[in-house]
PDB file of N, CA and C in Angstrom:
ATOM      1  N   UNK A   1       0.846  -1.107  -0.023  1.00  0.00           N
ATOM      2  CA  UNK A   1       0.173  -0.018   0.057  1.00  0.00           C
ATOM      3  C   UNK A   1       0.969   1.382   0.055  1.00  0.00           C
ATOM      4  N   UNK A   2       0.471   2.172  -0.806  1.00  0.00           N
ATOM      5  CA  UNK A   2       1.242   3.408  -0.903  1.00  0.00           C
ATOM      6  C   UNK A   2       0.974   4.475   0.012  1.00  0.00           C
ATOM      7  N   UNK A   3       1.911   4.980   0.517  1.00  0.00           N
ATOM      8  CA  UNK A   3       1.770   6.101   1.672  1.00  0.00           C
ATOM      9  C   UNK A   3       1.906   7.344   0.760  1.00  0.00           C
ATOM     10  N   UNK A   4       2.038   7.479  -0.364  1.00  0.00           N
ATOM     11  CA  UNK A   4       2.342   8.596  -1.286  1.00  0.00           C
ATOM     12  C   UNK A   4       1.040   9.498  -1.317  1.00  0.00           C
ATOM     13  N   UNK A   5       1.334  10.661  -1.239  1.00  0.00           N
ATOM     14  CA  UNK A   5       0.195  11.826  -1.381  1.00  0.00           C
ATOM     15  C   UNK A   5       0.386  12.670  -2.327  1.00  0.00           C
ATOM     16  N   UNK A   6      -0.548  13.319  -2.935  1.00  0.00           N
ATOM     17  CA  UNK A   6      -0.504  14.200  -4.039  1.00  0.00           C
ATOM     18  C   UNK A   6      -1.703  15.145  -3.940  1.00  0.00           C
ATOM     19  N   UNK A   7      -1.400  16.399  -4.218  1.00  0.00           N
ATOM     20  CA  UNK A   7      -2.479  17.453  -4.209  1.00  0.00           C
ATOM     21  C   UNK A   7      -2.846  17.494  -5.603  1.00  0.00           C
ATOM     22  N   UNK A   8      -4.039  17.423  -6.053  1.00  0.00           N
ATOM     23  CA  UNK A   8      -4.488  17.516  -7.382  1.00  0.00           C
ATOM     24  C   UNK A   8      -5.721  18.532  -7.417  1.00  0.00           C
ATOM     25  N   UNK A   9      -5.451  19.485  -8.328  1.00  0.00           N
ATOM     26  CA  UNK A   9      -6.565  20.537  -8.696  1.00  0.00           C
ATOM     27  C   UNK A   9      -7.254  20.126  -9.974  1.00  0.00           C
ATOM     28  N   UNK A  10      -8.561  19.542  -9.814  1.00  0.00           N
ATOM     29  CA  UNK A  10      -9.292  19.174 -10.772  1.00  0.00           C
ATOM     30  C   UNK A  10     -10.869  19.416 -10.666  1.00  0.00           C
ATOM     31  N   UNK A  11     -11.611  19.277 -11.500  1.00  0.00           N
ATOM     32  CA  UNK A  11     -13.066  19.344 -11.280  1.00  0.00           C
ATOM     33  C   UNK A  11     -13.798  17.907 -11.420  1.00  0.00           C
ATOM     34  N   UNK A  12     -14.569  17.705 -10.257  1.00  0.00           N
ATOM     35  CA  UNK A  12     -15.391  16.570 -10.145  1.00  0.00           C
ATOM     36  C   UNK A  12     -16.424  16.217 -11.009  1.00  0.00           C
ATOM     37  N   UNK A  13     -16.416  15.491 -11.990  1.00  0.00           N
ATOM     38  CA  UNK A  13     -17.582  15.185 -12.886  1.00  0.00           C
ATOM     39  C   UNK A  13     -18.567  14.530 -12.370  1.00  0.00           C
ATOM     40  N   UNK A  14     -18.059  13.386 -11.626  1.00  0.00           N
ATOM     41  CA  UNK A  14     -19.243  12.452 -11.205  1.00  0.00           C
ATOM     42  C   UNK A  14     -18.666  11.594 -10.171  1.00  0.00           C
ATOM     43  N   UNK A  15     -19.514  11.088  -9.245  1.00  0.00           N
ATOM     44  CA  UNK A  15     -19.239   9.901  -8.244  1.00  0.00           C
ATOM     45  C   UNK A  15     -19.492   8.774  -8.911  1.00  0.00           C
ATOM     46  N   UNK A  16     -18.435   7.706  -9.021  1.00  0.00           N
ATOM     47  CA  UNK A  16     -18.543   6.539  -9.695  1.00  0.00           C
ATOM     48  C   UNK A  16     -19.185   5.433  -9.152  1.00  0.00           C
ATOM     49  N   UNK A  17     -19.309   5.458  -7.713  1.00  0.00           N
ATOM     50  CA  UNK A  17     -19.945   4.365  -7.042  1.00  0.00           C
ATOM     51  C   UNK A  17     -20.524   4.909  -5.747  1.00  0.00           C
ATOM     52  N   UNK A  18     -21.917   4.463  -5.569  1.00  0.00           N
ATOM     53  CA  UNK A  18     -22.605   5.117  -4.437  1.00  0.00           C
ATOM     54  C   UNK A  18     -22.350   4.392  -3.376  1.00  0.00           C
ATOM     55  N   UNK A  19     -21.681   3.220  -3.326  1.00  0.00           N
ATOM     56  CA  UNK A  19     -21.245   2.501  -1.987  1.00  0.00           C
ATOM     57  C   UNK A  19     -19.838   3.230  -1.541  1.00  0.00           C
ATOM     58  N   UNK A  20     -19.835   4.118  -0.716  1.00  0.00           N
ATOM     59  CA  UNK A  20     -18.601   4.876  -0.268  1.00  0.00           C
ATOM     60  C   UNK A  20     -17.984   4.291   1.230  1.00  0.00           C
ATOM     61  N   UNK A  21     -18.802   3.174   1.701  1.00  0.00           N
ATOM     62  CA  UNK A  21     -18.375   2.817   3.032  1.00  0.00           C
ATOM     63  C   UNK A  21     -18.196   1.453   2.725  1.00  0.00           C
ATOM     64  N   UNK A  22     -17.209   0.736   3.095  1.00  0.00           N
ATOM     65  CA  UNK A  22     -17.047  -0.833   2.993  1.00  0.00           C
ATOM     66  C   UNK A  22     -16.449  -1.370   4.258  1.00  0.00           C
ATOM     67  N   UNK A  23     -16.891  -2.646   4.621  1.00  0.00           N
ATOM     68  CA  UNK A  23     -16.487  -3.570   5.709  1.00  0.00           C
ATOM     69  C   UNK A  23     -15.020  -3.835   5.349  1.00  0.00           C
ATOM     70  N   UNK A  24     -14.120  -3.523   6.353  1.00  0.00           N
ATOM     71  CA  UNK A  24     -12.668  -3.733   5.994  1.00  0.00           C
ATOM     72  C   UNK A  24     -11.829  -4.484   6.843  1.00  0.00           C
ATOM     73  N   UNK A  25     -10.803  -5.296   6.545  1.00  0.00           N
ATOM     74  CA  UNK A  25      -9.907  -6.173   7.246  1.00  0.00           C
ATOM     75  C   UNK A  25      -9.245  -5.345   8.265  1.00  0.00           C
ATOM     76  N   UNK A  26      -9.073  -5.719   9.317  1.00  0.00           N
ATOM     77  CA  UNK A  26      -8.390  -4.932  10.437  1.00  0.00           C
ATOM     78  C   UNK A  26      -6.635  -5.124  10.136  1.00  0.00           C
ATOM     79  N   UNK A  27      -6.387  -6.220   9.504  1.00  0.00           N
ATOM     80  CA  UNK A  27      -4.905  -6.519   9.138  1.00  0.00           C
ATOM     81  C   UNK A  27      -4.535  -5.878   7.827  1.00  0.00           C
ATOM     82  N   UNK A  28      -5.292  -6.102   6.588  1.00  0.00           N
ATOM     83  CA  UNK A  28      -4.760  -5.415   5.330  1.00  0.00           C
ATOM     84  C   UNK A  28      -5.591  -4.391   4.736  1.00  0.00           C
ATOM     85  N   UNK A  29      -6.723  -3.993   5.355  1.00  0.00           N
ATOM     86  CA  UNK A  29      -7.693  -3.102   4.806  1.00  0.00           C
ATOM     87  C   UNK A  29      -8.313  -3.464   3.635  1.00  0.00           C
ATOM     88  N   UNK A  30      -8.368  -4.726   3.275  1.00  0.00           N
ATOM     89  CA  UNK A  30      -9.103  -5.153   1.998  1.00  0.00           C
ATOM     90  C   UNK A  30     -10.733  -5.286   2.396  1.00  0.00           C
ATOM     91  N   UNK A  31     -11.432  -5.389   1.413  1.00  0.00           N
ATOM     92  CA  UNK A  31     -12.841  -5.370   1.629  1.00  0.00           C
ATOM     93  C   UNK A  31     -13.161  -6.886   2.172  1.00  0.00           C
ATOM     94  N   UNK A  32     -14.037  -6.946   3.155  1.00  0.00           N
ATOM     95  CA  UNK A  32     -14.592  -8.333   3.781  1.00  0.00           C
ATOM     96  C   UNK A  32     -15.719  -8.829   3.141  1.00  0.00           C
ATOM     97  N   UNK A  33     -15.824 -10.207   3.085  1.00  0.00           N
ATOM     98  CA  UNK A  33     -16.986 -10.775   2.586  1.00  0.00           C
ATOM     99  C   UNK A  33     -17.827 -11.258   3.821  1.00  0.00           C
ATOM    100  N   UNK A  34     -19.002 -11.454   3.597  1.00  0.00           N
ATOM    101  CA  UNK A  34     -20.013 -12.046   4.762  1.00  0.00           C
ATOM    102  C   UNK A  34     -20.303 -13.468   4.393  1.00  0.00           C
ATOM    103  N   UNK A  35     -19.957 -14.397   5.392  1.00  0.00           N
ATOM    104  CA  UNK A  35     -20.188 -15.681   5.261  1.00  0.00           C
ATOM    105  C   UNK A  35     -20.971 -16.048   6.815  1.00  0.00           C
ATOM    106  N   UNK A  36     -22.339 -16.361   6.513  1.00  0.00           N
ATOM    107  CA  UNK A  36     -23.210 -16.732   7.651  1.00  0.00           C
ATOM    108  C   UNK A  36     -22.990 -15.394   8.704  1.00  0.00           C
ATOM    109  N   UNK A  37     -22.600 -15.551   9.773  1.00  0.00           N
ATOM    110  CA  UNK A  37     -22.408 -14.287  10.781  1.00  0.00           C
ATOM    111  C   UNK A  37     -20.962 -13.955  11.030  1.00  0.00           C
ATOM    112  N   UNK A  38     -20.178 -14.277  10.020  1.00  0.00           N
ATOM    113  CA  UNK A  38     -18.720 -13.907  10.143  1.00  0.00           C
ATOM    114  C   UNK A  38     -18.358 -13.085   8.924  1.00  0.00           C
ATOM    115  N   UNK A  39     -17.243 -12.226   9.177  1.00  0.00           N
ATOM    116  CA  UNK A  39     -16.752 -11.510   8.172  1.00  0.00           C
ATOM    117  C   UNK A  39     -15.332 -12.129   7.680  1.00  0.00           C
ATOM    118  N   UNK A  40     -14.946 -12.338   6.459  1.00  0.00           N
ATOM    119  CA  UNK A  40     -13.678 -12.933   6.251  1.00  0.00           C
ATOM    120  C   UNK A  40     -13.084 -12.098   5.142  1.00  0.00           C
ATOM    121  N   UNK A  41     -11.813 -12.086   5.318  1.00  0.00           N
ATOM    122  CA  UNK A  41     -10.931 -11.301   4.446  1.00  0.00           C
ATOM    123  C   UNK A  41     -10.384 -12.429   3.340  1.00  0.00           C
ATOM    124  N   UNK A  42     -10.639 -12.256   2.180  1.00  0.00           N
ATOM    125  CA  UNK A  42     -10.108 -13.193   1.066  1.00  0.00           C
ATOM    126  C   UNK A  42      -8.676 -12.873   0.905  1.00  0.00           C
ATOM    127  N   UNK A  43      -8.090 -11.964   1.366  1.00  0.00           N
ATOM    128  CA  UNK A  43      -6.662 -11.629   1.015  1.00  0.00           C
ATOM    129  C   UNK A  43      -5.744 -12.304   2.088  1.00  0.00           C
ATOM    130  N   UNK A  44      -6.016 -11.966   3.456  1.00  0.00           N
ATOM    131  CA  UNK A  44      -5.017 -12.554   4.396  1.00  0.00           C
ATOM    132  C   UNK A  44      -5.748 -13.452   5.251  1.00  0.00           C
ATOM    133  N   UNK A  45      -6.956 -13.782   5.123  1.00  0.00           N
ATOM    134  CA  UNK A  45      -7.761 -14.870   6.018  1.00  0.00           C
ATOM    135  C   UNK A  45      -8.212 -14.299   7.321  1.00  0.00           C
ATOM    136  N   UNK A  46      -8.246 -12.950   7.570  1.00  0.00           N
ATOM    137  CA  UNK A  46      -8.650 -12.465   8.722  1.00  0.00           C
ATOM    138  C   UNK A  46     -10.247 -12.591   8.775  1.00  0.00           C
ATOM    139  N   UNK A  47     -10.780 -13.169  10.019  1.00  0.00           N
ATOM    140  CA  UNK A  47     -12.119 -13.513  10.236  1.00  0.00           C
ATOM    141  C   UNK A  47     -12.594 -12.558  11.704  1.00  0.00           C
ATOM    142  N   UNK A  48     -13.942 -12.259  11.591  1.00  0.00           N
ATOM    143  CA  UNK A  48     -14.364 -11.713  12.792  1.00  0.00           C
ATOM    144  C   UNK A  48     -15.935 -11.715  12.751  1.00  0.00           C
ATOM    145  N   UNK A  49     -16.600 -11.422  13.941  1.00  0.00           N
ATOM    146  CA  UNK A  49     -18.153 -11.488  13.813  1.00  0.00           C
ATOM    147  C   UNK A  49     -18.346 -10.224  13.339  1.00  0.00           C
ATOM    148  N   UNK A  50     -19.553 -10.232  12.676  1.00  0.00           N
ATOM    149  CA  UNK A  50     -20.110  -9.160  11.863  1.00  0.00           C
ATOM    150  C   UNK A  50     -20.261  -8.078  12.621  1.00  0.00           C
ATOM    151  N   UNK A  51     -20.721  -8.006  13.792  1.00  0.00           N
ATOM    152  CA  UNK A  51     -20.860  -6.909  14.767  1.00  0.00           C
ATOM    153  C   UNK A  51     -19.465  -6.146  14.989  1.00  0.00           C
ATOM    154  N   UNK A  52     -18.258  -6.963  14.952  1.00  0.00           N
ATOM    155  CA  UNK A  52     -17.101  -6.369  15.358  1.00  0.00           C
ATOM    156  C   UNK A  52     -16.232  -5.829  14.018  1.00  0.00           C
ATOM    157  N   UNK A  53     -16.992  -5.683  13.036  1.00  0.00           N
ATOM    158  CA  UNK A  53     -16.525  -5.342  11.711  1.00  0.00           C
ATOM    159  C   UNK A  53     -15.921  -3.781  11.551  1.00  0.00           C
ATOM    160  N   UNK A  54     -14.898  -3.505  11.108  1.00  0.00           N
ATOM    161  CA  UNK A  54     -14.401  -2.234  10.874  1.00  0.00           C
ATOM    162  C   UNK A  54     -14.922  -1.754   9.721  1.00  0.00           C
ATOM    163  N   UNK A  55     -14.900  -0.255   9.361  1.00  0.00           N
ATOM    164  CA  UNK A  55     -15.437   0.261   8.185  1.00  0.00           C
ATOM    165  C   UNK A  55     -14.587   1.185   7.623  1.00  0.00           C
ATOM    166  N   UNK A  56     -14.594   1.268   6.361  1.00  0.00           N
ATOM    167  CA  UNK A  56     -13.321   2.384   5.761  1.00  0.00           C
ATOM    168  C   UNK A  56     -14.119   3.124   4.605  1.00  0.00           C
ATOM    169  N   UNK A  57     -13.861   4.411   4.434  1.00  0.00           N
ATOM    170  CA  UNK A  57     -14.249   5.125   3.339  1.00  0.00           C
ATOM    171  C   UNK A  57     -13.604   4.803   2.084  1.00  0.00           C
ATOM    172  N   UNK A  58     -14.214   4.676   0.900  1.00  0.00           N
ATOM    173  CA  UNK A  58     -13.750   4.693  -0.493  1.00  0.00           C
ATOM    174  C   UNK A  58     -14.538   5.521  -1.287  1.00  0.00           C
ATOM    175  N   UNK A  59     -14.109   6.577  -1.907  1.00  0.00           N
ATOM    176  CA  UNK A  59     -14.792   7.439  -2.790  1.00  0.00           C
ATOM    177  C   UNK A  59     -14.068   7.491  -4.023  1.00  0.00           C
ATOM    178  N   UNK A  60     -14.800   7.015  -5.082  1.00  0.00           N
ATOM    179  CA  UNK A  60     -14.301   7.049  -6.644  1.00  0.00           C
ATOM    180  C   UNK A  60     -14.989   8.150  -7.368  1.00  0.00           C
ATOM    181  N   UNK A  61     -14.238   9.039  -8.011  1.00  0.00           N
ATOM    182  CA  UNK A  61     -14.704  10.062  -8.687  1.00  0.00           C
ATOM    183  C   UNK A  61     -14.201   9.973 -10.321  1.00  0.00           C
ATOM    184  N   UNK A  62     -14.976  10.634 -11.044  1.00  0.00           N
ATOM    185  CA  UNK A  62     -14.422  10.818 -12.486  1.00  0.00           C
ATOM    186  C   UNK A  62     -14.049  12.419 -12.418  1.00  0.00           C
ATOM    187  N   UNK A  63     -12.959  12.819 -12.649  1.00  0.00           N
ATOM    188  CA  UNK A  63     -12.467  14.043 -12.820  1.00  0.00           C
ATOM    189  C   UNK A  63     -11.892  14.590 -13.991  1.00  0.00           C
ATOM    190  N   UNK A  64     -11.839  15.856 -14.066  1.00  0.00           N
ATOM    191  CA  UNK A  64     -11.178  16.449 -15.403  1.00  0.00           C
ATOM    192  C   UNK A  64     -10.247  17.386 -14.846  1.00  0.00           C
ATOM    193  N   UNK A  65      -9.060  17.484 -15.707  1.00  0.00           N
ATOM    194  CA  UNK A  65      -8.131  18.542 -15.497  1.00  0.00           C
ATOM    195  C   UNK A  65      -7.488  18.811 -16.933  1.00  0.00           C
ATOM    196  N   UNK A  66      -7.562  20.192 -17.074  1.00  0.00           N
ATOM    197  CA  UNK A  66      -7.157  20.726 -18.455  1.00  0.00           C
ATOM    198  C   UNK A  66      -8.136  19.796 -19.503  1.00  0.00           C
ATOM    199  N   UNK A  67      -7.716  19.213 -20.302  1.00  0.00           N
ATOM    200  CA  UNK A  67      -8.466  18.410 -21.382  1.00  0.00           C
ATOM    201  C   UNK A  67      -8.573  17.003 -20.963  1.00  0.00           C
ATOM    202  N   UNK A  68      -8.108  16.470 -20.000  1.00  0.00           N
ATOM    203  CA  UNK A  68      -7.965  15.074 -19.699  1.00  0.00           C
ATOM    204  C   UNK A  68      -9.152  14.755 -18.586  1.00  0.00           C
ATOM    205  N   UNK A  69      -9.614  13.529 -18.734  1.00  0.00           N
ATOM    206  CA  UNK A  69     -10.590  12.860 -17.838  1.00  0.00           C
ATOM    207  C   UNK A  69      -9.968  11.720 -17.261  1.00  0.00           C
ATOM    208  N   UNK A  70     -10.053  11.529 -15.952  1.00  0.00           N
ATOM    209  CA  UNK A  70      -9.540  10.300 -15.457  1.00  0.00           C
ATOM    210  C   UNK A  70     -10.242  10.043 -14.068  1.00  0.00           C
ATOM    211  N   UNK A  71      -9.966   8.867 -13.459  1.00  0.00           N
ATOM    212  CA  UNK A  71     -10.522   8.388 -12.193  1.00  0.00           C
ATOM    213  C   UNK A  71      -9.579   8.565 -11.010  1.00  0.00           C
ATOM    214  N   UNK A  72     -10.164   8.993  -9.952  1.00  0.00           N
ATOM    215  CA  UNK A  72      -9.427   9.102  -8.675  1.00  0.00           C
ATOM    216  C   UNK A  72     -10.191   8.461  -7.778  1.00  0.00           C
ATOM    217  N   UNK A  73      -9.655   7.705  -6.763  1.00  0.00           N
ATOM    218  CA  UNK A  73     -10.074   7.008  -5.844  1.00  0.00           C
ATOM    219  C   UNK A  73      -9.450   7.458  -4.276  1.00  0.00           C
ATOM    220  N   UNK A  74     -10.293   7.828  -3.371  1.00  0.00           N
ATOM    221  CA  UNK A  74      -9.661   8.315  -2.048  1.00  0.00           C
ATOM    222  C   UNK A  74     -10.145   7.372  -0.946  1.00  0.00           C
ATOM    223  N   UNK A  75      -9.176   6.967  -0.186  1.00  0.00           N
ATOM    224  CA  UNK A  75      -9.430   5.743   0.848  1.00  0.00           C
ATOM    225  C   UNK A  75      -9.175   6.378   2.302  1.00  0.00           C
ATOM    226  N   UNK A  76      -9.973   5.822   3.051  1.00  0.00           N
ATOM    227  CA  UNK A  76      -9.531   5.774   4.561  1.00  0.00           C
ATOM    228  C   UNK A  76      -9.956   7.119   5.364  1.00  0.00           C
ATOM    229  N   UNK A  77      -9.319   7.318   6.471  1.00  0.00           N
ATOM    230  CA  UNK A  77      -9.333   8.209   7.332  1.00  0.00           C
ATOM    231  C   UNK A  77      -9.263   9.773   7.065  1.00  0.00           C
ATOM    232  N   UNK A  78      -8.547   9.921   5.875  1.00  0.00           N
ATOM    233  CA  UNK A  78      -8.524  11.430   5.528  1.00  0.00           C
ATOM    234  C   UNK A  78      -9.890  12.020   5.000  1.00  0.00           C
ATOM    235  N   UNK A  79     -10.846  11.150   4.823  1.00  0.00           N
ATOM    236  CA  UNK A  79     -12.162  11.441   4.594  1.00  0.00           C
ATOM    237  C   UNK A  79     -12.983  11.802   5.869  1.00  0.00           C
ATOM    238  N   UNK A  80     -12.398  11.419   7.155  1.00  0.00           N
ATOM    239  CA  UNK A  80     -13.228  11.786   8.234  1.00  0.00           C
ATOM    240  C   UNK A  80     -13.659  13.189   8.560  1.00  0.00           C
ATOM    241  N   UNK A  81     -12.697  14.128   8.156  1.00  0.00           N
ATOM    242  CA  UNK A  81     -13.024  15.683   8.157  1.00  0.00           C
ATOM    243  C   UNK A  81     -14.248  16.042   7.400  1.00  0.00           C
ATOM    244  N   UNK A  82     -14.180  15.313   6.059  1.00  0.00           N
ATOM    245  CA  UNK A  82     -15.118  15.774   5.125  1.00  0.00           C
ATOM    246  C   UNK A  82     -16.596  15.493   5.482  1.00  0.00           C
ATOM    247  N   UNK A  83     -16.523  14.048   6.009  1.00  0.00           N
ATOM    248  CA  UNK A  83     -17.906  13.651   6.551  1.00  0.00           C
ATOM    249  C   UNK A  83     -18.278  13.997   8.026  1.00  0.00           C
ATOM    250  N   UNK A  84     -17.305  14.378   8.706  1.00  0.00           N
ATOM    251  CA  UNK A  84     -17.493  14.691  10.126  1.00  0.00           C
ATOM    252  C   UNK A  84     -17.758  13.617  11.085  1.00  0.00           C
ATOM    253  N   UNK A  85     -17.445  12.411  10.521  1.00  0.00           N
ATOM    254  CA  UNK A  85     -17.613  11.233  11.392  1.00  0.00           C
ATOM    255  C   UNK A  85     -16.694  10.125  10.764  1.00  0.00           C
ATOM    256  N   UNK A  86     -16.348   9.153  11.512  1.00  0.00           N
ATOM    257  CA  UNK A  86     -15.573   7.958  11.024  1.00  0.00           C
ATOM    258  C   UNK A  86     -16.429   7.122  10.234  1.00  0.00           C
ATOM    259  N   UNK A  87     -15.887   6.171   9.240  1.00  0.00           N
ATOM    260  CA  UNK A  87     -16.669   5.327   8.392  1.00  0.00           C
ATOM    261  C   UNK A  87     -17.587   4.429   9.265  1.00  0.00           C
ATOM    262  N   UNK A  88     -17.157   3.980  10.347  1.00  0.00           N
ATOM    263  CA  UNK A  88     -17.824   3.081  11.164  1.00  0.00           C
ATOM    264  C   UNK A  88     -18.962   3.882  11.909  1.00  0.00           C
ATOM    265  N   UNK A  89     -18.595   5.043  12.287  1.00  0.00           N
ATOM    266  CA  UNK A  89     -19.623   5.811  13.037  1.00  0.00           C
ATOM    267  C   UNK A  89     -20.881   6.104  11.894  1.00  0.00           C
ATOM    268  N   UNK A  90     -20.411   6.459  10.774  1.00  0.00           N
ATOM    269  CA  UNK A  90     -21.386   6.546   9.697  1.00  0.00           C
ATOM    270  C   UNK A  90     -22.245   5.387   9.357  1.00  0.00           C
ATOM    271  N   UNK A  91     -21.586   4.258   9.330  1.00  0.00           N
ATOM    272  CA  UNK A  91     -22.380   2.972   8.882  1.00  0.00           C
ATOM    273  C   UNK A  91     -23.247   2.719  10.181  1.00  0.00           C
ATOM    274  N   UNK A  92     -22.927   2.863  11.580  1.00  0.00           N
ATOM    275  CA  UNK A  92     -23.802   2.670  12.540  1.00  0.00           C
ATOM    276  C   UNK A  92     -25.059   3.661  12.570  1.00  0.00           C
ATOM    277  N   UNK A  93     -24.822   4.774  12.188  1.00  0.00           N
ATOM    278  CA  UNK A  93     -25.734   5.954  12.088  1.00  0.00           C
ATOM    279  C   UNK A  93     -26.784   5.547  11.013  1.00  0.00           C
ATOM    280  N   UNK A  94     -26.228   5.067   9.744  1.00  0.00           N
ATOM    281  CA  UNK A  94     -27.361   4.705   8.793  1.00  0.00           C
ATOM    282  C   UNK A  94     -28.070   3.485   9.122  1.00  0.00           C
ATOM    283  N   UNK A  95     -27.420   2.487   9.683  1.00  0.00           N
ATOM    284  CA  UNK A  95     -28.227   1.123  10.088  1.00  0.00           C
ATOM    285  C   UNK A  95     -29.153   1.639  11.042  1.00  0.00           C
ATOM    286  N   UNK A  96     -28.892   2.518  12.075  1.00  0.00           N
ATOM    287  CA  UNK A  96     -29.904   2.831  13.192  1.00  0.00           C
ATOM    288  C   UNK A  96     -31.170   3.627  12.379  1.00  0.00           C
ATOM    289  N   UNK A  97     -30.851   4.420  11.498  1.00  0.00           N
ATOM    290  CA  UNK A  97     -31.947   5.145  10.979  1.00  0.00           C
ATOM    291  C   UNK A  97     -32.867   4.253   9.987  1.00  0.00           C
ATOM    292  N   UNK A  98     -32.022   3.295   9.331  1.00  0.00           N
ATOM    293  CA  UNK A  98     -32.933   2.149   8.619  1.00  0.00           C
ATOM    294  C   UNK A  98     -33.723   1.320   9.455  1.00  0.00           C
ATOM    295  N   UNK A  99     -33.150   0.962  10.715  1.00  0.00           N
ATOM    296  CA  UNK A  99     -33.964   0.209  11.710  1.00  0.00           C
ATOM    297  C   UNK A  99     -35.258   1.163  12.058  1.00  0.00           C
ATOM    298  N   UNK A 100     -35.176   2.193  12.293  1.00  0.00           N
ATOM    299  CA  UNK A 100     -36.211   3.109  12.777  1.00  0.00           C
ATOM    300  C   UNK A 100     -37.239   3.414  11.655  1.00  0.00           C
ATOM    301  N   UNK A 101     -36.672   3.477  10.407  1.00  0.00           N
ATOM    302  CA  UNK A 101     -37.529   3.588   9.393  1.00  0.00           C
ATOM    303  C   UNK A 101     -38.316   2.200   9.000  1.00  0.00           C
ATOM    304  N   UNK A 102     -37.798   1.103   9.316  1.00  0.00           N
ATOM    305  CA  UNK A 102     -38.439  -0.059   9.057  1.00  0.00           C
ATOM    306  C   UNK A 102     -39.475  -0.256  10.149  1.00  0.00           C
ATOM    307  N   UNK A 103     -39.252   0.028  11.328  1.00  0.00           N
ATOM    308  CA  UNK A 103     -40.271   0.019  12.441  1.00  0.00           C
ATOM    309  C   UNK A 103     -41.367   1.046  12.083  1.00  0.00           C
ATOM    310  N   UNK A 104     -41.049   2.313  11.799  1.00  0.00           N
ATOM    311  CA  UNK A 104     -42.190   3.179  11.502  1.00  0.00           C
ATOM    312  C   UNK A 104     -43.053   2.530  10.260  1.00  0.00           C
ATOM    313  N   UNK A 105     -42.403   2.164   9.308  1.00  0.00           N
ATOM    314  CA  UNK A 105     -42.940   1.683   8.097  1.00  0.00           C
ATOM    315  C   UNK A 105     -44.003   0.553   8.391  1.00  0.00           C
ATOM    316  N   UNK A 106     -43.623  -0.412   9.193  1.00  0.00           N
ATOM    317  CA  UNK A 106     -44.459  -1.390   9.622  1.00  0.00           C
ATOM    318  C   UNK A 106     -45.797  -1.023  10.487  1.00  0.00           C
ATOM    319  N   UNK A 107     -45.581   0.110  11.218  1.00  0.00           N
ATOM    320  CA  UNK A 107     -46.672   0.591  11.894  1.00  0.00           C
ATOM    321  C   UNK A 107     -47.685   1.531  11.392  1.00  0.00           C
ATOM    322  N   UNK A 108     -47.170   2.190  10.245  1.00  0.00           N
ATOM    323  CA  UNK A 108     -48.045   3.056   9.625  1.00  0.00           C
ATOM    324  C   UNK A 108     -48.535   2.744   8.118  1.00  0.00           C
ATOM    325  N   UNK A 109     -47.991   1.675   7.688  1.00  0.00           N
ATOM    326  CA  UNK A 109     -48.290   1.382   6.188  1.00  0.00           C
ATOM    327  C   UNK A 109     -49.086   0.248   6.146  1.00  0.00           C
TER     328      UNK A 109
END
């Protein structure tokens, strides 16, 4: 994994993927897959219970600079200030609101 950083001045044309939070491995930060009630890393073999899963930000953009159009992906904690919350905190907040919505939907529909 590269620790190289670059400041790029460009225009964002679009967000490439609406899934901007993903469950990540605590060891290698790869995306975890879900099997039964466990999360498993296909890269390094790490496993954990689903409720103990960490989350990480991943934003993919299509951007333009001068006459060029290219893709840029931004990962990890550098996005915490942008969202004002960690990826895990945002995931818990979304799940909590979905649970409330589902409860209200059952009672009023």
